Amino acid sequence: MNQYDLNLILNPNLSAEQVQTEKDYIENTLKNNGAEMASLDDVGNRRLAYAIDKDREGYYLMYTIKVGGNPEKEIASTLRLRDHVRRVLVVKDRPEWKTKKA
């Protein structure tokens, strides 16, 4: 199983219940595709570099997952179908990319 970073940007105008519903759906999607959720970083609303659907902000969720196979094809394509999901990015976690601070 490889480790991946799954980054999502949601609609910034969601209520707390709607955000929790989206998180539950994402976690169920991960479990259904055989992925383990290692961690979740709920960043919240942040300003975007450019507008997405006329919104200058987005609600950021950053997951670290462990999964075999191709998560871009299986997981990301499923999550992109959600109405409140604006962007999905899956990046393979590579230890050599991490820098050590001296």
N, C-alpha and C. Protein backbone atom coordinates (compact mmCIF):
# COMPACT_ATOMS: atom_id res chain seq x y z
N MET A 1 0.84 -1.18 0.00
CA MET A 1 0.00 0.00 0.00
C MET A 1 0.88 1.24 0.00
N ASN A 2 0.55 2.16 -0.86
CA ASN A 2 1.28 3.42 -0.96
C ASN A 2 0.55 4.51 -0.20
N GLN A 3 1.31 5.52 0.19
CA GLN A 3 0.72 6.65 0.91
C GLN A 3 0.52 7.80 -0.06
N TYR A 4 -0.65 8.44 0.04
CA TYR A 4 -1.02 9.54 -0.84
C TYR A 4 -1.55 10.70 -0.02
N ASP A 5 -1.44 11.90 -0.58
CA ASP A 5 -2.11 13.09 -0.04
C ASP A 5 -3.33 13.34 -0.91
N LEU A 6 -4.49 13.41 -0.26
CA LEU A 6 -5.75 13.70 -0.95
C LEU A 6 -6.21 15.07 -0.48
N ASN A 7 -6.18 16.04 -1.39
CA ASN A 7 -6.54 17.42 -1.06
C ASN A 7 -7.84 17.78 -1.76
N LEU A 8 -8.78 18.34 -0.99
CA LEU A 8 -10.06 18.73 -1.55
C LEU A 8 -10.36 20.18 -1.21
N ILE A 9 -11.00 20.85 -2.15
CA ILE A 9 -11.53 22.20 -1.90
C ILE A 9 -13.03 22.11 -2.06
N LEU A 10 -13.74 22.50 -1.00
CA LEU A 10 -15.20 22.47 -1.00
C LEU A 10 -15.75 23.88 -1.14
N ASN A 11 -17.04 23.95 -1.38
CA ASN A 11 -17.76 25.22 -1.44
C ASN A 11 -17.57 25.95 -0.10
N PRO A 12 -17.16 27.21 -0.10
CA PRO A 12 -16.91 27.92 1.15
C PRO A 12 -18.17 28.33 1.90
N ASN A 13 -19.32 28.23 1.27
CA ASN A 13 -20.57 28.69 1.88
C ASN A 13 -21.34 27.57 2.57
N LEU A 14 -20.69 26.47 2.91
CA LEU A 14 -21.37 25.34 3.54
C LEU A 14 -21.54 25.57 5.04
N SER A 15 -22.64 25.07 5.58
CA SER A 15 -22.84 25.12 7.03
C SER A 15 -22.02 24.00 7.68
N ALA A 16 -21.94 24.01 9.00
CA ALA A 16 -21.18 23.00 9.71
C ALA A 16 -21.74 21.60 9.47
N GLU A 17 -23.07 21.48 9.38
CA GLU A 17 -23.68 20.16 9.12
C GLU A 17 -23.35 19.67 7.72
N GLN A 18 -23.35 20.58 6.76
CA GLN A 18 -23.03 20.19 5.38
C GLN A 18 -21.57 19.77 5.24
N VAL A 19 -20.67 20.46 5.95
CA VAL A 19 -19.26 20.08 5.93
C VAL A 19 -19.09 18.69 6.54
N GLN A 20 -19.78 18.43 7.64
CA GLN A 20 -19.69 17.11 8.28
C GLN A 20 -20.26 16.03 7.36
N THR A 21 -21.33 16.33 6.65
CA THR A 21 -21.89 15.37 5.69
C THR A 21 -20.88 15.05 4.59
N GLU A 22 -20.20 16.07 4.09
CA GLU A 22 -19.18 15.85 3.06
C GLU A 22 -18.02 15.02 3.60
N LYS A 23 -17.58 15.30 4.83
CA LYS A 23 -16.50 14.52 5.44
C LYS A 23 -16.91 13.06 5.58
N ASP A 24 -18.14 12.81 6.04
CA ASP A 24 -18.63 11.44 6.18
C ASP A 24 -18.67 10.73 4.84
N TYR A 25 -19.11 11.43 3.79
CA TYR A 25 -19.16 10.84 2.46
C TYR A 25 -17.76 10.50 1.96
N ILE A 26 -16.81 11.39 2.20
CA ILE A 26 -15.43 11.16 1.77
C ILE A 26 -14.85 9.95 2.50
N GLU A 27 -15.07 9.86 3.81
CA GLU A 27 -14.56 8.73 4.58
C GLU A 27 -15.20 7.42 4.13
N ASN A 28 -16.49 7.42 3.83
CA ASN A 28 -17.15 6.21 3.32
C ASN A 28 -16.60 5.82 1.95
N THR A 29 -16.33 6.80 1.11
CA THR A 29 -15.76 6.53 -0.21
C THR A 29 -14.37 5.90 -0.06
N LEU A 30 -13.58 6.41 0.87
CA LEU A 30 -12.25 5.85 1.10
C LEU A 30 -12.35 4.40 1.58
N LYS A 31 -13.24 4.13 2.53
CA LYS A 31 -13.40 2.76 3.04
C LYS A 31 -13.90 1.81 1.96
N ASN A 32 -14.83 2.27 1.13
CA ASN A 32 -15.37 1.42 0.07
C ASN A 32 -14.33 1.07 -0.98
N ASN A 33 -13.31 1.90 -1.13
CA ASN A 33 -12.25 1.64 -2.10
C ASN A 33 -11.01 1.02 -1.46
N GLY A 34 -11.12 0.59 -0.21
CA GLY A 34 -10.03 -0.11 0.45
C GLY A 34 -8.91 0.78 0.94
N ALA A 35 -9.19 2.05 1.16
CA ALA A 35 -8.16 2.98 1.62
C ALA A 35 -8.25 3.16 3.13
N GLU A 36 -7.10 3.39 3.75
CA GLU A 36 -7.04 3.71 5.17
C GLU A 36 -6.75 5.21 5.30
N MET A 37 -7.50 5.86 6.17
CA MET A 37 -7.27 7.28 6.41
C MET A 37 -6.26 7.42 7.54
N ALA A 38 -5.06 7.93 7.23
CA ALA A 38 -4.02 8.09 8.24
C ALA A 38 -4.23 9.37 9.04
N SER A 39 -4.59 10.46 8.36
CA SER A 39 -4.81 11.72 9.08
C SER A 39 -5.69 12.64 8.25
N LEU A 40 -6.25 13.62 8.94
CA LEU A 40 -7.08 14.64 8.31
C LEU A 40 -6.67 15.99 8.86
N ASP A 41 -6.39 16.92 7.96
CA ASP A 41 -6.09 18.29 8.34
C ASP A 41 -7.22 19.16 7.80
N ASP A 42 -8.11 19.58 8.70
CA ASP A 42 -9.25 20.42 8.34
C ASP A 42 -8.80 21.87 8.45
N VAL A 43 -8.40 22.45 7.33
CA VAL A 43 -7.83 23.79 7.32
C VAL A 43 -8.92 24.85 7.43
N GLY A 44 -10.07 24.60 6.83
CA GLY A 44 -11.17 25.56 6.87
C GLY A 44 -11.14 26.47 5.65
N ASN A 45 -11.81 27.61 5.75
CA ASN A 45 -11.90 28.55 4.63
C ASN A 45 -10.58 29.30 4.46
N ARG A 46 -10.10 29.30 3.22
CA ARG A 46 -8.88 30.03 2.86
C ARG A 46 -9.10 30.71 1.52
N ARG A 47 -8.38 31.78 1.31
CA ARG A 47 -8.46 32.52 0.05
C ARG A 47 -7.78 31.72 -1.05
N LEU A 48 -8.40 31.72 -2.23
CA LEU A 48 -7.87 31.02 -3.39
C LEU A 48 -7.01 31.95 -4.24
N ALA A 49 -6.11 31.37 -5.01
CA ALA A 49 -5.28 32.17 -5.90
C ALA A 49 -6.11 32.74 -7.05
N TYR A 50 -7.14 32.01 -7.45
CA TYR A 50 -8.03 32.47 -8.52
C TYR A 50 -9.44 32.00 -8.19
N ALA A 51 -10.42 32.65 -8.74
CA ALA A 51 -11.82 32.35 -8.43
C ALA A 51 -12.22 31.00 -9.05
N ILE A 52 -12.97 30.22 -8.28
CA ILE A 52 -13.58 28.98 -8.77
C ILE A 52 -15.08 29.16 -8.61
N ASP A 53 -15.81 29.11 -9.71
CA ASP A 53 -17.26 29.34 -9.71
C ASP A 53 -17.62 30.66 -9.01
N LYS A 54 -16.84 31.70 -9.31
CA LYS A 54 -17.04 33.06 -8.79
C LYS A 54 -16.81 33.20 -7.30
N ASP A 55 -16.25 32.19 -6.64
CA ASP A 55 -15.89 32.28 -5.22
C ASP A 55 -14.40 32.50 -5.10
N ARG A 56 -14.01 33.42 -4.26
CA ARG A 56 -12.59 33.71 -4.03
C ARG A 56 -12.04 32.93 -2.85
N GLU A 57 -12.89 32.14 -2.16
CA GLU A 57 -12.45 31.32 -1.04
C GLU A 57 -12.87 29.88 -1.27
N GLY A 58 -12.26 28.98 -0.51
CA GLY A 58 -12.63 27.58 -0.56
C GLY A 58 -12.38 26.93 0.79
N TYR A 59 -13.13 25.86 1.08
CA TYR A 59 -12.97 25.13 2.33
C TYR A 59 -12.02 23.96 2.06
N TYR A 60 -10.86 23.98 2.70
CA TYR A 60 -9.81 23.00 2.44
C TYR A 60 -9.87 21.81 3.40
N LEU A 61 -9.78 20.61 2.83
CA LEU A 61 -9.61 19.37 3.59
C LEU A 61 -8.40 18.65 3.00
N MET A 62 -7.47 18.25 3.87
CA MET A 62 -6.26 17.57 3.41
C MET A 62 -6.13 16.24 4.15
N TYR A 63 -6.29 15.16 3.40
CA TYR A 63 -6.22 13.81 3.96
C TYR A 63 -4.88 13.18 3.61
N THR A 64 -4.38 12.33 4.50
CA THR A 64 -3.28 11.44 4.20
C THR A 64 -3.87 10.04 4.23
N ILE A 65 -3.76 9.33 3.09
CA ILE A 65 -4.39 8.02 2.98
C ILE A 65 -3.37 6.98 2.54
N LYS A 66 -3.66 5.72 2.87
CA LYS A 66 -2.86 4.59 2.42
C LYS A 66 -3.78 3.70 1.60
N VAL A 67 -3.37 3.45 0.36
CA VAL A 67 -4.23 2.69 -0.55
C VAL A 67 -3.36 2.02 -1.61
N GLY A 68 -3.81 0.87 -2.08
CA GLY A 68 -3.19 0.22 -3.21
C GLY A 68 -3.97 0.55 -4.47
N GLY A 69 -3.37 0.32 -5.61
CA GLY A 69 -4.08 0.60 -6.85
C GLY A 69 -3.91 2.04 -7.28
N ASN A 70 -4.89 2.53 -8.02
CA ASN A 70 -4.84 3.88 -8.58
C ASN A 70 -5.93 4.75 -7.94
N PRO A 71 -5.60 5.52 -6.90
CA PRO A 71 -6.63 6.34 -6.24
C PRO A 71 -7.17 7.46 -7.12
N GLU A 72 -6.38 7.92 -8.07
CA GLU A 72 -6.87 8.97 -8.96
C GLU A 72 -8.07 8.48 -9.75
N LYS A 73 -7.98 7.28 -10.22
CA LYS A 73 -9.07 6.72 -11.02
C LYS A 73 -10.26 6.35 -10.15
N GLU A 74 -10.02 5.71 -9.04
CA GLU A 74 -11.10 5.16 -8.22
C GLU A 74 -11.74 6.19 -7.30
N ILE A 75 -10.93 6.82 -6.48
CA ILE A 75 -11.44 7.69 -5.42
C ILE A 75 -11.72 9.11 -5.93
N ALA A 76 -10.76 9.70 -6.61
CA ALA A 76 -10.91 11.09 -7.05
C ALA A 76 -12.06 11.26 -8.04
N SER A 77 -12.22 10.29 -8.93
CA SER A 77 -13.30 10.41 -9.92
C SER A 77 -14.67 10.34 -9.24
N THR A 78 -14.78 9.56 -8.17
CA THR A 78 -16.03 9.48 -7.42
C THR A 78 -16.30 10.78 -6.67
N LEU A 79 -15.27 11.35 -6.06
CA LEU A 79 -15.44 12.58 -5.28
C LEU A 79 -15.74 13.79 -6.16
N ARG A 80 -15.25 13.78 -7.39
CA ARG A 80 -15.50 14.92 -8.28
C ARG A 80 -16.97 15.05 -8.67
N LEU A 81 -17.73 14.01 -8.48
CA LEU A 81 -19.15 14.03 -8.85
C LEU A 81 -20.02 14.76 -7.82
N ARG A 82 -19.48 15.03 -6.65
CA ARG A 82 -20.23 15.72 -5.61
C ARG A 82 -20.44 17.19 -5.98
N ASP A 83 -21.60 17.73 -5.63
CA ASP A 83 -21.92 19.12 -5.97
C ASP A 83 -21.06 20.13 -5.23
N HIS A 84 -20.73 19.85 -3.96
CA HIS A 84 -20.00 20.81 -3.15
C HIS A 84 -18.48 20.70 -3.28
N VAL A 85 -17.99 19.70 -3.99
CA VAL A 85 -16.54 19.53 -4.18
C VAL A 85 -16.12 20.34 -5.40
N ARG A 86 -15.20 21.28 -5.17
CA ARG A 86 -14.74 22.15 -6.25
C ARG A 86 -13.47 21.60 -6.92
N ARG A 87 -12.52 21.10 -6.13
CA ARG A 87 -11.27 20.56 -6.67
C ARG A 87 -10.84 19.34 -5.87
N VAL A 88 -10.21 18.38 -6.58
CA VAL A 88 -9.65 17.19 -5.95
C VAL A 88 -8.25 17.00 -6.50
N LEU A 89 -7.29 16.78 -5.61
CA LEU A 89 -5.91 16.53 -6.02
C LEU A 89 -5.38 15.34 -5.24
N VAL A 90 -4.84 14.36 -5.95
CA VAL A 90 -4.22 13.19 -5.32
C VAL A 90 -2.75 13.18 -5.71
N VAL A 91 -1.87 13.17 -4.70
CA VAL A 91 -0.43 13.20 -4.93
C VAL A 91 0.21 12.07 -4.13
N LYS A 92 1.06 11.29 -4.81
CA LYS A 92 1.77 10.22 -4.11
C LYS A 92 2.80 10.83 -3.17
N ASP A 93 2.80 10.36 -1.93
CA ASP A 93 3.71 10.87 -0.92
C ASP A 93 5.07 10.21 -1.13
N ARG A 94 6.07 11.02 -1.41
CA ARG A 94 7.41 10.52 -1.66
C ARG A 94 8.34 11.02 -0.57
N PRO A 95 8.97 10.13 0.19
CA PRO A 95 9.84 10.57 1.30
C PRO A 95 11.01 11.44 0.84
N GLU A 96 11.52 11.21 -0.36
CA GLU A 96 12.67 12.00 -0.81
C GLU A 96 12.29 13.45 -1.12
N TRP A 97 11.00 13.75 -1.23
CA TRP A 97 10.57 15.11 -1.47
C TRP A 97 10.54 15.95 -0.21
N LYS A 98 10.52 15.28 0.92
CA LYS A 98 10.46 16.01 2.19
C LYS A 98 11.84 16.52 2.56
N THR A 99 11.93 17.76 2.94
CA THR A 99 13.21 18.34 3.29
C THR A 99 13.38 18.29 4.80
N LYS A 100 14.60 18.14 5.20
CA LYS A 100 14.93 18.13 6.62
C LYS A 100 15.43 19.52 7.00
N LYS A 101 14.91 20.02 8.07
CA LYS A 101 15.37 21.33 8.56
C LYS A 101 16.54 21.11 9.49
N ALA A 102 17.60 21.84 9.26
CA ALA A 102 18.82 21.67 10.05
C ALA A 102 18.78 22.48 11.32
